[in-house]
Amino acid sequence: MEITAQLVKELRERSGAGMMECKKALSQNNGDIDVAIEWLRKQGLAKADKKADRVAAEGRILLARDGGKAVLVEINSETDFVAKDESFLAFANQAADIALKSGAADVRILADAAWPGGGNVEQARQALVAKIGENIQIRRLVRIDSAHTIGAYVHGSRIGVLVELKGGSAELARNIAMHVAAMNPVYISPADVPADIVTKEREIALAQISEKDKSKPAETLEKIISGKTNKVIAEMTLTGQAFVIDTNTTVEAALKKESAQVLKTYRLVVGEGIEKVQEDYLAEVQKAMKV
């Protein structure tokens, strides 16, 4: 398989490994990125796979809440300039308020919700597009309606988080939301990590062990493998991570202190998952591959 500059670029973003190491990993593994990442990790050249956010769209994350109800809405524009425009902000804030009050569960339902003064949200969006001359989309909506404790946090205008706790204070819920915004845990607890991921992490941990350690008694070897695996799993999970509010403790310990449990989390980032062409970086990779 041809090892293209685009493949090397993607592997570098996902693994954090050097450019030439990425090229070698792909060459050794027939261009398969997932296998190449595992190969790099076994060589000690990469950390756990974390797919890079590929952000193209601009826009804002809007929060609206009232008591036990809260919504996050992502509204995109083509440019950051428009995302700061007064007409865009007025529309975005109104749309978030309508999402909260209407009980809309997704953007399709929100699009049909009534707009103050007549028409619906979709018609108001089309009118704004005509006025500004730039494509504007309501891309995502998440909501929590609960009798439990809700935490909400928006970092700037680009990252929004909702958290639902069983038990715990409003302050703890907000602090957990801030943590999720900063650390982006993949799972809530180790129990939520799929078995196949745990198995793969154990295989990687074994591959990283020196030949000298491999000759140790089976019980000792198992402790080493479990220790390495548990460390990686903890970094993936909300409860296993060091609490950003107090790094001397873990999120799990902070929850236990208030007899609280995380039931649900949502995290939205403006434009995540939308590919952005990075021509200068791609040119850099192409140049390096010719060395």
Protein backbone atom coordinates (compact mmCIF):
# COMPACT_ATOMS: atom_id res chain seq x y z
CA MET A 1 0.00 0.00 0.00
CA GLU A 2 1.26 3.50 -0.85
CA ILE A 3 2.24 5.47 2.26
CA THR A 4 0.91 8.94 1.49
CA ALA A 5 1.67 12.21 3.24
CA GLN A 6 -1.95 12.34 4.38
CA LEU A 7 -1.59 8.96 6.13
CA VAL A 8 1.60 10.08 7.87
CA LYS A 9 -0.06 13.33 8.92
CA GLU A 10 -3.05 11.54 10.43
CA LEU A 11 -0.88 9.02 12.28
CA ARG A 12 1.29 11.80 13.67
CA GLU A 13 -1.76 13.69 14.93
CA ARG A 14 -3.22 10.60 16.56
CA SER A 15 -0.07 9.15 18.07
CA GLY A 16 2.10 12.17 18.88
CA ALA A 17 5.09 10.26 17.47
CA GLY A 18 7.73 11.81 15.21
CA MET A 19 7.22 12.15 11.48
CA MET A 20 9.81 9.60 10.39
CA GLU A 21 8.71 7.13 13.08
CA CYS A 22 5.16 7.42 11.72
CA LYS A 23 6.33 6.77 8.19
CA LYS A 24 8.24 3.69 9.35
CA ALA A 25 5.29 2.42 11.37
CA LEU A 26 2.99 2.68 8.37
CA SER A 27 5.53 0.97 6.11
CA GLN A 28 5.91 -1.87 8.61
CA ASN A 29 2.15 -2.34 8.88
CA ASN A 30 0.87 -2.03 5.31
CA GLY A 31 -0.54 1.47 5.83
CA ASP A 32 -3.02 0.41 8.53
CA ILE A 33 -3.18 3.37 10.94
CA ASP A 34 -4.73 1.49 13.86
CA VAL A 35 -2.15 -1.29 13.66
CA ALA A 36 0.62 1.30 13.18
CA ILE A 37 -0.41 3.09 16.38
CA GLU A 38 -0.28 -0.17 18.31
CA TRP A 39 3.15 -0.90 16.76
CA LEU A 40 4.43 2.54 17.82
CA ARG A 41 3.16 2.04 21.35
CA LYS A 42 4.83 -1.36 21.61
CA GLN A 43 8.08 0.33 20.61
CA GLY A 44 7.52 2.96 23.30
CA LEU A 45 7.24 5.70 20.65
CA ALA A 46 3.63 6.77 21.23
CA LYS A 47 1.11 7.30 24.00
CA ALA A 48 -2.41 5.93 24.03
CA ASP A 49 -4.26 6.70 20.80
CA LYS A 50 -6.20 9.93 20.99
CA LYS A 51 -7.67 10.97 17.68
CA ALA A 52 -6.92 14.61 17.00
CA ASP A 53 -9.84 17.02 16.87
CA ARG A 54 -10.23 18.02 13.23
CA VAL A 55 -11.91 21.39 13.45
CA ALA A 56 -13.07 23.32 10.42
CA ALA A 57 -16.36 24.97 11.36
CA GLU A 58 -16.50 28.12 13.44
CA GLY A 59 -19.40 29.10 15.64
CA ARG A 60 -20.44 28.84 19.28
CA ILE A 61 -21.69 26.48 21.95
CA LEU A 62 -24.76 27.93 23.68
CA LEU A 63 -25.99 26.96 27.14
CA ALA A 64 -29.52 27.44 28.43
CA ARG A 65 -30.76 26.07 31.74
CA ASP A 66 -33.60 26.37 34.19
CA GLY A 67 -33.73 24.27 37.36
CA GLY A 68 -33.51 20.61 36.43
CA LYS A 69 -33.38 21.31 32.69
CA ALA A 70 -30.31 22.23 30.65
CA VAL A 71 -29.35 22.21 26.97
CA LEU A 72 -26.22 22.75 24.93
CA VAL A 73 -26.61 23.79 21.30
CA GLU A 74 -23.82 23.98 18.72
CA ILE A 75 -24.44 26.61 16.04
CA ASN A 76 -21.87 26.86 13.25
CA SER A 77 -20.79 29.62 10.92
CA GLU A 78 -18.14 29.67 8.23
CA THR A 79 -15.94 32.28 9.91
CA ASP A 80 -15.07 33.37 13.44
CA PHE A 81 -15.95 36.92 12.40
CA VAL A 82 -19.59 35.98 11.85
CA ALA A 83 -19.63 33.94 15.10
CA LYS A 84 -19.10 37.26 16.91
CA ASP A 85 -21.68 39.19 14.87
CA GLU A 86 -24.56 40.68 16.89
CA SER A 87 -27.22 39.20 14.60
CA PHE A 88 -25.63 35.75 14.86
CA LEU A 89 -25.41 36.01 18.66
CA ALA A 90 -29.02 37.13 18.96
CA PHE A 91 -30.18 34.20 16.82
CA ALA A 92 -27.98 31.71 18.67
CA ASN A 93 -29.12 32.78 22.12
CA GLN A 94 -32.78 32.76 21.07
CA ALA A 95 -32.42 29.31 19.50
CA ALA A 96 -30.87 27.93 22.70
CA ASP A 97 -33.68 29.43 24.79
CA ILE A 98 -36.29 27.89 22.47
CA ALA A 99 -34.50 24.53 22.66
CA LEU A 100 -34.73 24.62 26.45
CA LYS A 101 -38.35 25.72 26.71
CA SER A 102 -39.72 23.61 23.85
CA GLY A 103 -38.23 20.38 25.16
CA ALA A 104 -36.63 19.67 21.75
CA ALA A 105 -34.58 16.49 21.87
CA ASP A 106 -32.62 17.07 18.66
CA VAL A 107 -31.98 19.71 15.99
CA ARG A 108 -34.71 18.41 13.68
CA ILE A 109 -37.34 18.97 16.32
CA LEU A 110 -35.81 22.35 17.20
CA ALA A 111 -35.98 23.42 13.54
CA ASP A 112 -39.78 23.11 13.63
CA ALA A 113 -40.20 24.93 16.95
CA ALA A 114 -42.01 28.27 16.90
CA TRP A 115 -39.94 31.45 16.55
CA PRO A 116 -41.07 34.62 18.38
CA GLY A 117 -42.89 36.90 15.95
CA GLY A 118 -43.87 34.12 13.54
CA GLY A 119 -42.46 31.21 11.60
CA ASN A 120 -40.15 28.60 13.04
CA VAL A 121 -36.47 28.26 13.95
CA GLU A 122 -35.52 26.96 10.50
CA GLN A 123 -37.12 29.93 8.79
CA ALA A 124 -35.32 32.28 11.17
CA ARG A 125 -32.05 30.54 10.32
CA GLN A 126 -32.67 30.93 6.58
CA ALA A 127 -33.43 34.62 7.07
CA LEU A 128 -30.16 35.08 8.95
CA VAL A 129 -28.22 33.31 6.18
CA ALA A 130 -29.78 35.68 3.64
CA LYS A 131 -28.92 38.69 5.79
CA ILE A 132 -25.32 37.77 6.64
CA GLY A 133 -24.44 35.99 3.41
CA GLU A 134 -22.72 33.07 5.13
CA ASN A 135 -23.83 29.50 5.77
CA ILE A 136 -25.13 29.00 9.31
CA GLN A 137 -26.20 25.65 10.71
CA ILE A 138 -27.63 24.36 13.98
CA ARG A 139 -25.52 21.24 14.13
CA ARG A 140 -26.07 19.53 17.48
CA LEU A 141 -28.22 19.65 20.59
CA VAL A 142 -27.93 17.73 23.85
CA ARG A 143 -30.14 18.08 26.89
CA ILE A 144 -30.62 16.81 30.43
CA ASP A 145 -34.02 16.89 32.15
CA SER A 146 -33.54 15.44 35.60
CA ALA A 147 -34.43 15.63 39.27
CA HIS A 148 -30.77 14.91 40.01
CA THR A 149 -27.94 17.45 40.33
CA ILE A 150 -26.96 19.07 37.04
CA GLY A 151 -23.61 20.71 36.35
CA ALA A 152 -23.03 22.94 33.32
CA TYR A 153 -19.96 24.74 32.05
CA VAL A 154 -19.03 26.58 28.86
CA HIS A 155 -15.38 27.40 28.29
CA GLY A 156 -15.25 30.61 26.28
CA SER A 157 -17.72 29.88 23.53
CA ARG A 158 -16.18 26.75 22.02
CA ILE A 159 -16.47 23.96 24.61
CA GLY A 160 -19.64 23.09 26.51
CA VAL A 161 -20.31 20.36 29.07
CA LEU A 162 -23.38 19.03 30.86
CA VAL A 163 -23.07 16.60 33.78
CA GLU A 164 -25.75 14.74 35.71
CA LEU A 165 -24.90 13.58 39.24
CA LYS A 166 -26.82 11.36 41.61
CA GLY A 167 -26.20 13.10 44.90
CA GLY A 168 -23.52 15.71 45.40
CA SER A 169 -23.70 19.49 45.48
CA ALA A 170 -24.25 21.98 42.68
CA GLU A 171 -20.65 23.13 43.17
CA LEU A 172 -19.30 19.61 42.74
CA ALA A 173 -21.41 19.12 39.59
CA ARG A 174 -20.04 22.33 38.07
CA ASN A 175 -16.48 21.38 39.01
CA ILE A 176 -16.92 17.96 37.39
CA ALA A 177 -18.22 19.73 34.26
CA MET A 178 -15.11 21.94 34.25
CA HIS A 179 -12.95 18.83 34.57
CA VAL A 180 -14.68 17.14 31.63
CA ALA A 181 -14.17 20.30 29.55
CA ALA A 182 -10.45 20.30 30.32
CA MET A 183 -9.60 16.58 30.28
CA ASN A 184 -12.15 15.06 27.89
CA PRO A 185 -12.34 11.59 29.47
CA VAL A 186 -13.49 8.90 27.05
CA TYR A 187 -15.42 6.87 29.65
CA ILE A 188 -16.96 7.61 33.04
CA SER A 189 -15.40 4.70 34.96
CA PRO A 190 -13.17 1.65 34.31
CA ALA A 191 -16.32 -0.50 34.28
CA ASP A 192 -17.42 1.35 31.14
CA VAL A 193 -14.25 0.52 29.17
CA PRO A 194 -14.99 -2.22 26.59
CA ALA A 195 -13.32 -5.59 27.22
CA ASP A 196 -11.55 -5.57 23.85
CA ILE A 197 -9.81 -2.30 24.73
CA VAL A 198 -8.66 -3.71 28.07
CA THR A 199 -7.35 -6.82 26.30
CA LYS A 200 -5.43 -4.73 23.78
CA GLU A 201 -3.93 -2.60 26.56
CA ARG A 202 -2.74 -5.74 28.31
CA GLU A 203 -1.11 -6.93 25.08
CA ILE A 204 0.65 -3.60 24.71
CA ALA A 205 1.75 -3.64 28.35
CA LEU A 206 3.25 -7.10 27.85
CA ALA A 207 5.09 -5.98 24.72
CA GLN A 208 6.62 -3.06 26.65
CA ILE A 209 8.05 -5.29 29.38
CA SER A 210 11.77 -6.03 29.16
CA GLU A 211 13.02 -9.57 28.58
CA LYS A 212 14.48 -9.51 32.08
CA ASP A 213 11.09 -8.74 33.64
CA LYS A 214 9.40 -11.38 31.49
CA SER A 215 11.51 -14.03 33.24
CA LYS A 216 10.05 -13.11 36.63
CA PRO A 217 7.45 -15.32 38.35
CA ALA A 218 4.01 -15.32 36.76
CA GLU A 219 2.44 -13.59 39.76
CA THR A 220 4.97 -10.76 39.61
CA LEU A 221 4.60 -10.45 35.85
CA GLU A 222 0.83 -10.20 36.21
CA LYS A 223 1.19 -7.39 38.73
CA ILE A 224 3.41 -5.46 36.32
CA ILE A 225 1.01 -5.95 33.41
CA SER A 226 -2.03 -5.05 35.51
CA GLY A 227 -0.30 -1.97 36.88
CA LYS A 228 0.56 -0.69 33.41
CA THR A 229 -2.92 -1.49 32.08
CA ASN A 230 -4.73 0.10 35.01
CA LYS A 231 -2.70 3.28 34.62
CA VAL A 232 -3.71 3.66 30.97
CA ILE A 233 -7.36 2.82 31.72
CA ALA A 234 -7.39 5.40 34.53
CA GLU A 235 -6.21 8.09 32.12
CA MET A 236 -9.16 7.26 29.84
CA THR A 237 -11.80 7.49 32.56
CA LEU A 238 -13.36 10.39 34.42
CA THR A 239 -13.20 8.73 37.82
CA GLY A 240 -9.60 7.63 37.37
CA GLN A 241 -8.18 11.02 36.41
CA ALA A 242 -6.55 13.51 38.76
CA PHE A 243 -9.14 16.18 39.55
CA VAL A 244 -8.28 19.45 37.79
CA ILE A 245 -9.79 21.39 40.69
CA ASP A 246 -7.43 19.66 43.13
CA THR A 247 -4.73 17.55 41.48
CA ASN A 248 -3.82 15.99 44.82
CA THR A 249 -6.98 13.90 44.60
CA THR A 250 -8.90 12.00 41.93
CA VAL A 251 -12.37 12.64 40.59
CA GLU A 252 -13.43 9.36 42.16
CA ALA A 253 -12.28 10.54 45.59
CA ALA A 254 -14.06 13.88 45.17
CA LEU A 255 -17.28 12.05 44.30
CA LYS A 256 -16.97 9.67 47.25
CA LYS A 257 -16.50 12.61 49.60
CA GLU A 258 -20.04 13.75 48.76
CA SER A 259 -21.48 10.25 48.17
CA ALA A 260 -22.10 11.23 44.55
CA GLN A 261 -22.17 9.28 41.30
CA VAL A 262 -21.81 10.51 37.72
CA LEU A 263 -24.78 9.32 35.68
CA LYS A 264 -24.23 11.14 32.41
CA THR A 265 -21.87 13.57 30.70
CA TYR A 266 -22.06 15.48 27.41
CA ARG A 267 -19.17 17.43 25.90
CA LEU A 268 -19.49 19.51 22.72
CA VAL A 269 -16.63 21.28 20.97
CA VAL A 270 -17.27 23.67 18.09
CA GLY A 271 -16.57 21.93 14.80
CA GLU A 272 -15.22 18.67 16.23
CA GLY A 273 -15.30 15.86 13.70
CA ILE A 274 -15.35 18.23 10.73
CA GLU A 275 -12.14 17.92 8.77
CA LYS A 276 -10.02 20.98 8.26
CA VAL A 277 -7.51 21.13 5.43
CA GLN A 278 -4.13 22.10 6.83
CA GLU A 279 -2.15 22.75 3.67
CA ASP A 280 1.01 24.09 5.28
CA TYR A 281 1.33 21.12 7.63
CA LEU A 282 0.65 18.67 4.81
CA ALA A 283 3.38 20.30 2.75
CA GLU A 284 5.74 19.88 5.70
CA VAL A 285 4.98 16.16 5.84
CA GLN A 286 5.43 15.75 2.08
CA LYS A 287 8.79 17.50 2.26
CA ALA A 288 9.96 15.30 5.13
CA MET A 289 8.92 12.13 3.31
CA LYS A 290 11.26 12.98 0.43
CA VAL A 291 14.27 13.11 2.76
